[in-house]
C-alpha atoms as a PDB file:
ATOM      1  CA  UNK A   1     -49.338-150.019  36.244  1.00  0.00           C
ATOM      2  CA  UNK A   2     -45.942-151.772  34.816  1.00  0.00           C
ATOM      3  CA  UNK A   3     -43.928-150.295  31.962  1.00  0.00           C
ATOM      4  CA  UNK A   4     -41.288-152.758  31.111  1.00  0.00           C
ATOM      5  CA  UNK A   5     -38.225-152.671  28.881  1.00  0.00           C
ATOM      6  CA  UNK A   6     -37.015-156.025  27.994  1.00  0.00           C
ATOM      7  CA  UNK A   7     -33.117-156.562  27.072  1.00  0.00           C
ATOM      8  CA  UNK A   8     -33.705-153.528  24.685  1.00  0.00           C
ATOM      9  CA  UNK A   9     -31.486-152.284  22.441  1.00  0.00           C
ATOM     10  CA  UNK A  10     -30.474-149.221  19.664  1.00  0.00           C
ATOM     11  CA  UNK A  11     -28.025-149.776  17.351  1.00  0.00           C
ATOM     12  CA  UNK A  12     -26.767-147.109  14.653  1.00  0.00           C
ATOM     13  CA  UNK A  13     -24.118-149.129  12.335  1.00  0.00           C
ATOM     14  CA  UNK A  14     -21.532-150.709  14.931  1.00  0.00           C
ATOM     15  CA  UNK A  15     -22.320-147.724  17.940  1.00  0.00           C
ATOM     16  CA  UNK A  16     -25.565-149.153  20.549  1.00  0.00           C
ATOM     17  CA  UNK A  17     -26.647-145.837  22.090  1.00  0.00           C
ATOM     18  CA  UNK A  18     -28.311-148.592  24.010  1.00  0.00           C
ATOM     19  CA  UNK A  19     -27.034-151.703  24.739  1.00  0.00           C
ATOM     20  CA  UNK A  20     -29.244-154.623  26.694  1.00  0.00           C
ATOM     21  CA  UNK A  21     -31.383-152.471  29.293  1.00  0.00           C
ATOM     22  CA  UNK A  22     -33.465-153.736  31.186  1.00  0.00           C
ATOM     23  CA  UNK A  23     -35.819-152.305  33.882  1.00  0.00           C
ATOM     24  CA  UNK A  24     -39.243-152.623  34.998  1.00  0.00           C
ATOM     25  CA  UNK A  25     -41.362-149.308  36.131  1.00  0.00           C
ATOM     26  CA  UNK A  26     -44.331-148.956  38.149  1.00  0.00           C
ATOM     27  CA  UNK A  27     -45.829-145.630  39.452  1.00  0.00           C
ATOM     28  CA  UNK A  28     -42.991-143.339  40.697  1.00  0.00           C
ATOM     29  CA  UNK A  29     -40.464-140.225  40.102  1.00  0.00           C
ATOM     30  CA  UNK A  30     -37.340-142.283  38.356  1.00  0.00           C
ATOM     31  CA  UNK A  31     -34.374-140.277  37.702  1.00  0.00           C
ATOM     32  CA  UNK A  32     -32.360-141.332  34.430  1.00  0.00           C
ATOM     33  CA  UNK A  33     -29.422-139.673  35.260  1.00  0.00           C
ATOM     34  CA  UNK A  34     -25.786-139.610  32.799  1.00  0.00           C
ATOM     35  CA  UNK A  35     -23.474-137.182  31.391  1.00  0.00           C
ATOM     36  CA  UNK A  36     -24.560-136.102  27.454  1.00  0.00           C
ATOM     37  CA  UNK A  37     -24.064-139.129  25.001  1.00  0.00           C
ATOM     38  CA  UNK A  38     -24.787-142.153  27.291  1.00  0.00           C
ATOM     39  CA  UNK A  39     -28.206-142.859  25.664  1.00  0.00           C
ATOM     40  CA  UNK A  40     -30.963-141.184  28.224  1.00  0.00           C
ATOM     41  CA  UNK A  41     -32.775-139.773  24.721  1.00  0.00           C
ATOM     42  CA  UNK A  42     -32.647-142.753  22.561  1.00  0.00           C
ATOM     43  CA  UNK A  43     -33.796-144.878  25.643  1.00  0.00           C
ATOM     44  CA  UNK A  44     -36.791-142.088  25.976  1.00  0.00           C
ATOM     45  CA  UNK A  45     -37.594-142.459  22.321  1.00  0.00           C
ATOM     46  CA  UNK A  46     -38.013-145.808  21.974  1.00  0.00           C
ATOM     47  CA  UNK A  47     -40.432-145.560  24.621  1.00  0.00           C
ATOM     48  CA  UNK A  48     -43.048-143.558  23.372  1.00  0.00           C
ATOM     49  CA  UNK A  49     -42.692-145.131  19.821  1.00  0.00           C
ATOM     50  CA  UNK A  50     -40.491-142.108  17.891  1.00  0.00           C
ATOM     51  CA  UNK A  51     -37.621-144.941  17.023  1.00  0.00           C
ATOM     52  CA  UNK A  52     -37.917-148.373  16.644  1.00  0.00           C
ATOM     53  CA  UNK A  53     -35.676-150.673  18.899  1.00  0.00           C
ATOM     54  CA  UNK A  54     -33.052-152.942  16.931  1.00  0.00           C
ATOM     55  CA  UNK A  55     -33.642-155.708  19.112  1.00  0.00           C
ATOM     56  CA  UNK A  56     -36.155-156.149  22.750  1.00  0.00           C
ATOM     57  CA  UNK A  57     -39.009-155.690  24.423  1.00  0.00           C
ATOM     58  CA  UNK A  58     -41.381-152.651  25.405  1.00  0.00           C
ATOM     59  CA  UNK A  59     -44.586-154.314  27.321  1.00  0.00           C
ATOM     60  CA  UNK A  60     -46.995-152.426  29.027  1.00  0.00           C
ATOM     61  CA  UNK A  61     -48.889-154.231  31.904  1.00  0.00           C
ATOM     62  CA  UNK A  62     -47.818-157.539  30.124  1.00  0.00           C
ATOM     63  CA  UNK A  63     -48.814-156.460  26.434  1.00  0.00           C
ATOM     64  CA  UNK A  64     -46.203-155.283  23.813  1.00  0.00           C
ATOM     65  CA  UNK A  65     -46.906-152.057  22.402  1.00  0.00           C
ATOM     66  CA  UNK A  66     -46.703-152.878  19.185  1.00  0.00           C
ATOM     67  CA  UNK A  67     -50.068-155.183  19.599  1.00  0.00           C
ATOM     68  CA  UNK A  68     -51.374-152.004  21.883  1.00  0.00           C
ATOM     69  CA  UNK A  69     -51.051-149.564  19.368  1.00  0.00           C
ATOM     70  CA  UNK A  70     -53.168-146.747  19.466  1.00  0.00           C
ATOM     71  CA  UNK A  71     -54.092-147.609  23.205  1.00  0.00           C
ATOM     72  CA  UNK A  72     -50.255-147.365  24.478  1.00  0.00           C
ATOM     73  CA  UNK A  73     -49.476-143.822  23.246  1.00  0.00           C
ATOM     74  CA  UNK A  74     -52.724-142.551  24.442  1.00  0.00           C
ATOM     75  CA  UNK A  75     -50.962-143.761  28.397  1.00  0.00           C
ATOM     76  CA  UNK A  76     -48.180-141.687  27.096  1.00  0.00           C
ATOM     77  CA  UNK A  77     -47.438-137.519  27.539  1.00  0.00           C
ATOM     78  CA  UNK A  78     -43.758-136.909  26.286  1.00  0.00           C
ATOM     79  CA  UNK A  79     -42.189-133.533  26.279  1.00  0.00           C
ATOM     80  CA  UNK A  80     -38.796-134.166  24.126  1.00  0.00           C
ATOM     81  CA  UNK A  81     -35.631-131.848  24.796  1.00  0.00           C
ATOM     82  CA  UNK A  82     -37.020-129.625  22.473  1.00  0.00           C
ATOM     83  CA  UNK A  83     -40.981-129.597  21.624  1.00  0.00           C
ATOM     84  CA  UNK A  84     -42.689-128.507  18.593  1.00  0.00           C
ATOM     85  CA  UNK A  85     -45.192-126.012  18.371  1.00  0.00           C
ATOM     86  CA  UNK A  86     -46.630-122.866  16.262  1.00  0.00           C
ATOM     87  CA  UNK A  87     -45.120-119.547  17.259  1.00  0.00           C
ATOM     88  CA  UNK A  88     -47.905-117.796  15.864  1.00  0.00           C
ATOM     89  CA  UNK A  89     -50.208-119.560  18.395  1.00  0.00           C
ATOM     90  CA  UNK A  90     -51.181-117.991  21.537  1.00  0.00           C
ATOM     91  CA  UNK A  91     -50.905-120.688  24.416  1.00  0.00           C
ATOM     92  CA  UNK A  92     -54.803-121.426  24.925  1.00  0.00           C
ATOM     93  CA  UNK A  93     -54.810-122.343  20.865  1.00  0.00           C
ATOM     94  CA  UNK A  94     -52.212-124.594  21.154  1.00  0.00           C
ATOM     95  CA  UNK A  95     -53.194-126.576  24.669  1.00  0.00           C
ATOM     96  CA  UNK A  96     -57.075-126.729  22.295  1.00  0.00           C
ATOM     97  CA  UNK A  97     -54.857-127.776  18.996  1.00  0.00           C
ATOM     98  CA  UNK A  98     -52.672-130.564  21.259  1.00  0.00           C
ATOM     99  CA  UNK A  99     -55.999-131.770  22.636  1.00  0.00           C
ATOM    100  CA  UNK A 100     -57.940-132.599  19.550  1.00  0.00           C
ATOM    101  CA  UNK A 101     -54.751-134.044  18.503  1.00  0.00           C
ATOM    102  CA  UNK A 102     -54.843-136.363  21.241  1.00  0.00           C
ATOM    103  CA  UNK A 103     -58.705-137.065  20.715  1.00  0.00           C
ATOM    104  CA  UNK A 104     -60.100-134.854  24.085  1.00  0.00           C
ATOM    105  CA  UNK A 105     -64.103-133.874  23.178  1.00  0.00           C
ATOM    106  CA  UNK A 106     -64.606-129.759  22.918  1.00  0.00           C
ATOM    107  CA  UNK A 107     -65.548-129.579  26.299  1.00  0.00           C
ATOM    108  CA  UNK A 108     -62.990-131.998  27.894  1.00  0.00           C
ATOM    109  CA  UNK A 109     -60.104-130.216  25.812  1.00  0.00           C
ATOM    110  CA  UNK A 110     -61.562-126.675  27.306  1.00  0.00           C
ATOM    111  CA  UNK A 111     -61.677-127.740  30.985  1.00  0.00           C
ATOM    112  CA  UNK A 112     -58.326-129.442  31.078  1.00  0.00           C
ATOM    113  CA  UNK A 113     -56.411-126.151  29.319  1.00  0.00           C
ATOM    114  CA  UNK A 114     -58.140-123.986  31.321  1.00  0.00           C
ATOM    115  CA  UNK A 115     -56.973-126.220  34.105  1.00  0.00           C
ATOM    116  CA  UNK A 116     -53.739-126.806  33.345  1.00  0.00           C
ATOM    117  CA  UNK A 117     -52.782-123.646  32.188  1.00  0.00           C
ATOM    118  CA  UNK A 118     -53.674-122.738  35.887  1.00  0.00           C
ATOM    119  CA  UNK A 119     -50.944-125.148  37.319  1.00  0.00           C
ATOM    120  CA  UNK A 120     -48.103-124.212  35.222  1.00  0.00           C
ATOM    121  CA  UNK A 121     -49.115-120.354  36.294  1.00  0.00           C
ATOM    122  CA  UNK A 122     -49.751-119.405  32.954  1.00  0.00           C
ATOM    123  CA  UNK A 123     -53.275-118.778  32.638  1.00  0.00           C
ATOM    124  CA  UNK A 124     -52.555-115.006  32.533  1.00  0.00           C
ATOM    125  CA  UNK A 125     -50.086-115.276  29.851  1.00  0.00           C
ATOM    126  CA  UNK A 126     -53.127-117.797  28.274  1.00  0.00           C
ATOM    127  CA  UNK A 127     -53.981-115.358  25.384  1.00  0.00           C
ATOM    128  CA  UNK A 128     -50.435-114.393  24.382  1.00  0.00           C
ATOM    129  CA  UNK A 129     -48.488-115.833  21.392  1.00  0.00           C
ATOM    130  CA  UNK A 130     -45.885-118.514  22.174  1.00  0.00           C
ATOM    131  CA  UNK A 131     -43.073-116.651  20.278  1.00  0.00           C
ATOM    132  CA  UNK A 132     -43.204-114.211  23.002  1.00  0.00           C
ATOM    133  CA  UNK A 133     -42.555-116.712  26.047  1.00  0.00           C
ATOM    134  CA  UNK A 134     -39.418-116.807  28.069  1.00  0.00           C
ATOM    135  CA  UNK A 135     -37.796-120.638  27.795  1.00  0.00           C
ATOM    136  CA  UNK A 136     -39.227-121.451  31.026  1.00  0.00           C
ATOM    137  CA  UNK A 137     -42.541-120.393  30.113  1.00  0.00           C
ATOM    138  CA  UNK A 138     -42.214-122.708  27.242  1.00  0.00           C
ATOM    139  CA  UNK A 139     -41.037-125.588  29.174  1.00  0.00           C
ATOM    140  CA  UNK A 140     -44.013-124.656  31.707  1.00  0.00           C
ATOM    141  CA  UNK A 141     -46.744-125.082  28.627  1.00  0.00           C
ATOM    142  CA  UNK A 142     -44.548-127.902  27.258  1.00  0.00           C
ATOM    143  CA  UNK A 143     -45.542-129.841  30.370  1.00  0.00           C
ATOM    144  CA  UNK A 144     -49.159-128.816  30.402  1.00  0.00           C
ATOM    145  CA  UNK A 145     -49.276-130.479  26.772  1.00  0.00           C
ATOM    146  CA  UNK A 146     -47.540-133.328  27.949  1.00  0.00           C
ATOM    147  CA  UNK A 147     -50.467-133.776  30.465  1.00  0.00           C
ATOM    148  CA  UNK A 148     -53.247-132.954  28.528  1.00  0.00           C
ATOM    149  CA  UNK A 149     -55.054-136.706  28.220  1.00  0.00           C
ATOM    150  CA  UNK A 150     -53.634-137.060  31.969  1.00  0.00           C
ATOM    151  CA  UNK A 151     -51.101-140.281  30.662  1.00  0.00           C
ATOM    152  CA  UNK A 152     -50.299-142.931  33.263  1.00  0.00           C
ATOM    153  CA  UNK A 153     -46.822-142.495  31.804  1.00  0.00           C
ATOM    154  CA  UNK A 154     -45.092-139.015  31.596  1.00  0.00           C
ATOM    155  CA  UNK A 155     -41.773-138.852  30.047  1.00  0.00           C
ATOM    156  CA  UNK A 156     -39.816-135.526  29.884  1.00  0.00           C
ATOM    157  CA  UNK A 157     -36.437-135.687  28.393  1.00  0.00           C
ATOM    158  CA  UNK A 158     -34.117-132.621  29.651  1.00  0.00           C
ATOM    159  CA  UNK A 159     -37.176-130.614  30.873  1.00  0.00           C
ATOM    160  CA  UNK A 160     -35.091-127.904  32.692  1.00  0.00           C
ATOM    161  CA  UNK A 161     -32.343-127.415  30.452  1.00  0.00           C
ATOM    162  CA  UNK A 162     -31.328-123.972  29.990  1.00  0.00           C
ATOM    163  CA  UNK A 163     -33.822-123.069  32.936  1.00  0.00           C
ATOM    164  CA  UNK A 164     -32.528-120.388  35.427  1.00  0.00           C
ATOM    165  CA  UNK A 165     -32.831-121.658  39.119  1.00  0.00           C
ATOM    166  CA  UNK A 166     -35.664-120.175  39.960  1.00  0.00           C
ATOM    167  CA  UNK A 167     -37.706-121.777  37.351  1.00  0.00           C
ATOM    168  CA  UNK A 168     -36.144-125.197  37.989  1.00  0.00           C
ATOM    169  CA  UNK A 169     -37.360-125.163  41.528  1.00  0.00           C
ATOM    170  CA  UNK A 170     -40.670-124.033  39.666  1.00  0.00           C
ATOM    171  CA  UNK A 171     -40.301-127.057  37.009  1.00  0.00           C
ATOM    172  CA  UNK A 172     -39.304-129.313  39.727  1.00  0.00           C
ATOM    173  CA  UNK A 173     -42.409-128.530  42.146  1.00  0.00           C
ATOM    174  CA  UNK A 174     -44.415-129.266  38.876  1.00  0.00           C
ATOM    175  CA  UNK A 175     -43.416-132.291  38.159  1.00  0.00           C
ATOM    176  CA  UNK A 176     -43.926-133.436  41.720  1.00  0.00           C
ATOM    177  CA  UNK A 177     -47.153-131.918  41.198  1.00  0.00           C
ATOM    178  CA  UNK A 178     -47.974-134.383  37.901  1.00  0.00           C
ATOM    179  CA  UNK A 179     -46.315-137.218  39.530  1.00  0.00           C
ATOM    180  CA  UNK A 180     -49.071-138.819  41.772  1.00  0.00           C
ATOM    181  CA  UNK A 181     -50.316-142.402  40.503  1.00  0.00           C
ATOM    182  CA  UNK A 182     -48.445-141.861  37.752  1.00  0.00           C
ATOM    183  CA  UNK A 183     -45.086-143.501  36.014  1.00  0.00           C
ATOM    184  CA  UNK A 184     -42.600-140.004  35.332  1.00  0.00           C
ATOM    185  CA  UNK A 185     -39.412-141.078  33.720  1.00  0.00           C
ATOM    186  CA  UNK A 186     -37.748-137.358  34.365  1.00  0.00           C
ATOM    187  CA  UNK A 187     -34.010-137.629  31.889  1.00  0.00           C
ATOM    188  CA  UNK A 188     -31.474-135.104  33.021  1.00  0.00           C
ATOM    189  CA  UNK A 189     -27.822-134.810  33.464  1.00  0.00           C
ATOM    190  CA  UNK A 190     -28.483-131.593  35.926  1.00  0.00           C
ATOM    191  CA  UNK A 191     -28.129-133.638  39.189  1.00  0.00           C
ATOM    192  CA  UNK A 192     -29.690-131.433  41.600  1.00  0.00           C
ATOM    193  CA  UNK A 193     -32.708-131.735  39.206  1.00  0.00           C
ATOM    194  CA  UNK A 194     -33.329-135.039  40.198  1.00  0.00           C
ATOM    195  CA  UNK A 195     -32.164-135.188  43.646  1.00  0.00           C
ATOM    196  CA  UNK A 196     -35.088-133.256  44.943  1.00  0.00           C
ATOM    197  CA  UNK A 197     -37.873-135.295  43.267  1.00  0.00           C
ATOM    198  CA  UNK A 198     -37.322-138.437  41.997  1.00  0.00           C
ATOM    199  CA  UNK A 199     -37.714-141.749  43.832  1.00  0.00           C
ATOM    200  CA  UNK A 200     -35.595-144.190  42.060  1.00  0.00           C
ATOM    201  CA  UNK A 201     -32.211-143.112  40.104  1.00  0.00           C
ATOM    202  CA  UNK A 202     -31.321-144.985  37.090  1.00  0.00           C
ATOM    203  CA  UNK A 203     -27.953-144.229  36.002  1.00  0.00           C
ATOM    204  CA  UNK A 204     -26.560-144.475  32.856  1.00  0.00           C
ATOM    205  CA  UNK A 205     -23.168-145.150  30.807  1.00  0.00           C
ATOM    206  CA  UNK A 206     -22.330-145.895  27.519  1.00  0.00           C
ATOM    207  CA  UNK A 207     -26.016-146.959  26.461  1.00  0.00           C
ATOM    208  CA  UNK A 208     -26.475-149.429  29.855  1.00  0.00           C
ATOM    209  CA  UNK A 209     -27.099-149.167  33.655  1.00  0.00           C
ATOM    210  CA  UNK A 210     -24.707-148.815  36.171  1.00  0.00           C
ATOM    211  CA  UNK A 211     -26.984-148.903  38.197  1.00  0.00           C
ATOM    212  CA  UNK A 212     -30.845-149.264  39.326  1.00  0.00           C
ATOM    213  CA  UNK A 213     -30.923-148.014  42.575  1.00  0.00           C
ATOM    214  CA  UNK A 214     -34.030-146.011  45.069  1.00  0.00           C
ATOM    215  CA  UNK A 215     -33.005-142.642  46.040  1.00  0.00           C
ATOM    216  CA  UNK A 216     -32.971-143.395  49.554  1.00  0.00           C
ATOM    217  CA  UNK A 217     -29.892-145.944  49.389  1.00  0.00           C
ATOM    218  CA  UNK A 218     -28.223-144.996  46.021  1.00  0.00           C
ATOM    219  CA  UNK A 219     -25.192-143.536  47.598  1.00  0.00           C
ATOM    220  CA  UNK A 220     -24.379-145.948  50.245  1.00  0.00           C
ATOM    221  CA  UNK A 221     -21.569-147.572  48.168  1.00  0.00           C
ATOM    222  CA  UNK A 222     -19.981-144.224  47.961  1.00  0.00           C
ATOM    223  CA  UNK A 223     -19.449-144.238  52.115  1.00  0.00           C
ATOM    224  CA  UNK A 224     -15.619-144.384  52.432  1.00  0.00           C
ATOM    225  CA  UNK A 225     -14.889-142.467  49.122  1.00  0.00           C
ATOM    226  CA  UNK A 226     -15.696-139.082  49.983  1.00  0.00           C
ATOM    227  CA  UNK A 227     -13.408-136.582  51.219  1.00  0.00           C
ATOM    228  CA  UNK A 228     -12.747-132.939  52.510  1.00  0.00           C
ATOM    229  CA  UNK A 229      -9.847-131.263  53.149  1.00  0.00           C
ATOM    230  CA  UNK A 230      -8.412-127.632  53.914  1.00  0.00           C
ATOM    231  CA  UNK A 231      -5.586-127.165  51.314  1.00  0.00           C
ATOM    232  CA  UNK A 232      -3.340-123.796  50.825  1.00  0.00           C
ATOM    233  CA  UNK A 233      -4.573-121.816  47.206  1.00  0.00           C
ATOM    234  CA  UNK A 234      -1.121-122.668  45.728  1.00  0.00           C
ATOM    235  CA  UNK A 235      -1.666-126.315  45.932  1.00  0.00           C
ATOM    236  CA  UNK A 236      -5.664-126.343  44.371  1.00  0.00           C
ATOM    237  CA  UNK A 237      -4.210-127.095  40.654  1.00  0.00           C
ATOM    238  CA  UNK A 238      -2.436-129.933  41.579  1.00  0.00           C
ATOM    239  CA  UNK A 239      -5.303-131.529  43.646  1.00  0.00           C
ATOM    240  CA  UNK A 240      -7.588-131.213  40.757  1.00  0.00           C
ATOM    241  CA  UNK A 241      -5.030-132.993  38.451  1.00  0.00           C
ATOM    242  CA  UNK A 242      -4.665-135.426  40.761  1.00  0.00           C
ATOM    243  CA  UNK A 243      -8.423-136.304  42.278  1.00  0.00           C
ATOM    244  CA  UNK A 244     -11.920-135.669  41.046  1.00  0.00           C
ATOM    245  CA  UNK A 245     -12.468-132.458  43.298  1.00  0.00           C
ATOM    246  CA  UNK A 246     -16.916-131.901  43.482  1.00  0.00           C
ATOM    247  CA  UNK A 247     -16.528-128.444  45.236  1.00  0.00           C
ATOM    248  CA  UNK A 248     -14.390-125.616  46.077  1.00  0.00           C
ATOM    249  CA  UNK A 249     -14.640-123.363  48.127  1.00  0.00           C
ATOM    250  CA  UNK A 250     -12.475-120.677  49.806  1.00  0.00           C
ATOM    251  CA  UNK A 251     -11.917-120.140  53.775  1.00  0.00           C
ATOM    252  CA  UNK A 252      -9.717-117.063  54.657  1.00  0.00           C
ATOM    253  CA  UNK A 253      -6.474-117.644  52.898  1.00  0.00           C
ATOM    254  CA  UNK A 254      -6.763-121.444  52.193  1.00  0.00           C
ATOM    255  CA  UNK A 255      -9.730-123.958  49.954  1.00  0.00           C
ATOM    256  CA  UNK A 256     -11.656-125.952  51.405  1.00  0.00           C
ATOM    257  CA  UNK A 257     -11.576-129.063  49.050  1.00  0.00           C
ATOM    258  CA  UNK A 258     -14.712-132.015  48.417  1.00  0.00           C
ATOM    259  CA  UNK A 259     -12.792-134.967  46.790  1.00  0.00           C
ATOM    260  CA  UNK A 260     -14.467-137.884  45.001  1.00  0.00           C
ATOM    261  CA  UNK A 261     -11.286-141.090  45.638  1.00  0.00           C
ATOM    262  CA  UNK A 262     -11.191-144.514  46.941  1.00  0.00           C
ATOM    263  CA  UNK A 263      -8.483-144.076  48.858  1.00  0.00           C
ATOM    264  CA  UNK A 264      -7.944-140.934  51.571  1.00  0.00           C
ATOM    265  CA  UNK A 265      -6.196-138.502  49.709  1.00  0.00           C
ATOM    266  CA  UNK A 266      -4.096-136.793  52.703  1.00  0.00           C
ATOM    267  CA  UNK A 267      -3.993-137.471  56.443  1.00  0.00           C
ATOM    268  CA  UNK A 268      -5.665-135.248  57.521  1.00  0.00           C
ATOM    269  CA  UNK A 269      -9.214-135.561  55.168  1.00  0.00           C
ATOM    270  CA  UNK A 270     -11.918-136.280  56.348  1.00  0.00           C
ATOM    271  CA  UNK A 271     -14.427-138.901  55.393  1.00  0.00           C
ATOM    272  CA  UNK A 272     -18.061-136.930  54.809  1.00  0.00           C
ATOM    273  CA  UNK A 273     -21.346-138.163  54.146  1.00  0.00           C
ATOM    274  CA  UNK A 274     -21.968-138.819  49.992  1.00  0.00           C
ATOM    275  CA  UNK A 275     -24.509-136.962  47.984  1.00  0.00           C
ATOM    276  CA  UNK A 276     -25.402-137.953  44.316  1.00  0.00           C
ATOM    277  CA  UNK A 277     -23.076-135.122  43.080  1.00  0.00           C
ATOM    278  CA  UNK A 278     -20.555-136.996  44.700  1.00  0.00           C
ATOM    279  CA  UNK A 279     -21.986-140.548  43.064  1.00  0.00           C
ATOM    280  CA  UNK A 280     -22.222-138.637  39.123  1.00  0.00           C
ATOM    281  CA  UNK A 281     -18.859-137.885  39.536  1.00  0.00           C
ATOM    282  CA  UNK A 282     -17.508-140.621  40.814  1.00  0.00           C
ATOM    283  CA  UNK A 283     -18.598-143.166  37.445  1.00  0.00           C
ATOM    284  CA  UNK A 284     -18.643-139.616  35.164  1.00  0.00           C
ATOM    285  CA  UNK A 285     -14.902-138.435  35.780  1.00  0.00           C
ATOM    286  CA  UNK A 286     -14.718-135.040  33.300  1.00  0.00           C
ATOM    287  CA  UNK A 287     -17.984-135.148  31.809  1.00  0.00           C
ATOM    288  CA  UNK A 288     -19.649-134.717  35.395  1.00  0.00           C
ATOM    289  CA  UNK A 289     -16.921-131.834  36.384  1.00  0.00           C
ATOM    290  CA  UNK A 290     -17.978-129.896  33.430  1.00  0.00           C
ATOM    291  CA  UNK A 291     -21.898-130.794  33.682  1.00  0.00           C
ATOM    292  CA  UNK A 292     -22.066-130.548  37.289  1.00  0.00           C
ATOM    293  CA  UNK A 293     -23.413-127.031  38.942  1.00  0.00           C
ATOM    294  CA  UNK A 294     -21.772-127.900  42.625  1.00  0.00           C
ATOM    295  CA  UNK A 295     -18.315-128.420  40.445  1.00  0.00           C
ATOM    296  CA  UNK A 296     -17.408-124.779  41.050  1.00  0.00           C
ATOM    297  CA  UNK A 297     -15.245-122.303  43.331  1.00  0.00           C
ATOM    298  CA  UNK A 298     -17.218-121.008  45.131  1.00  0.00           C
END
């Protein structure tokens, strides 16, 4: 089972939203990581057939998606950033409607609907109107509908955006549950979401992949570039101006800084093991600093 992108590009006028991307995806969870505007959504929409590539090919087990037609789309489950739903439908009605759209028979639709609503912890709300749901409940319903046909390819675009920490943890657990023997492509700019569940990181910037690395080794190139030091509170602003500061933590009358830098920022700075947040900040700079949950004063 292989989903292969070869020299895939998408242009809007003179701008390349996706620029000559190639990757081979086999079963596992792929974290598509990048700042807003990196090209993640455009790439996923091409994979799902919503957008047509300007150039390049997408193949499923060696056959171009255009030749496969409906057979390709039957292999897909897709949760866009904002999935469409009918607010006056109940969760059960919506799931049965989507099952019919996906071609499931009545018996299979009912069984699959009951099973998935239970799995996403919506059984008690199955007969409530979707308009009464919280954001987290709607997202859980979204992943349930993406799983209706038990697709071998599951594409999730920013599935945890806007969710509170508790809902995000629950959603990550759901993705892990669904990921067995599937290709799961999870797009996000929230680093912690992929650090827990991804097998492979695809780091995207300006429409290109900067890295395609297993999660176990993706930060190896950051060794010797992440530092911690204690600084006086009055000097913190100067450090944040001069360096990429991943985290600030107050300790008594000082502040412990975690800094990403190719060189030691101060003689008393100590090298520490790198994490995915550090990698993200290293490549995305100010964009990462604004978006990263870890870059906060604690």
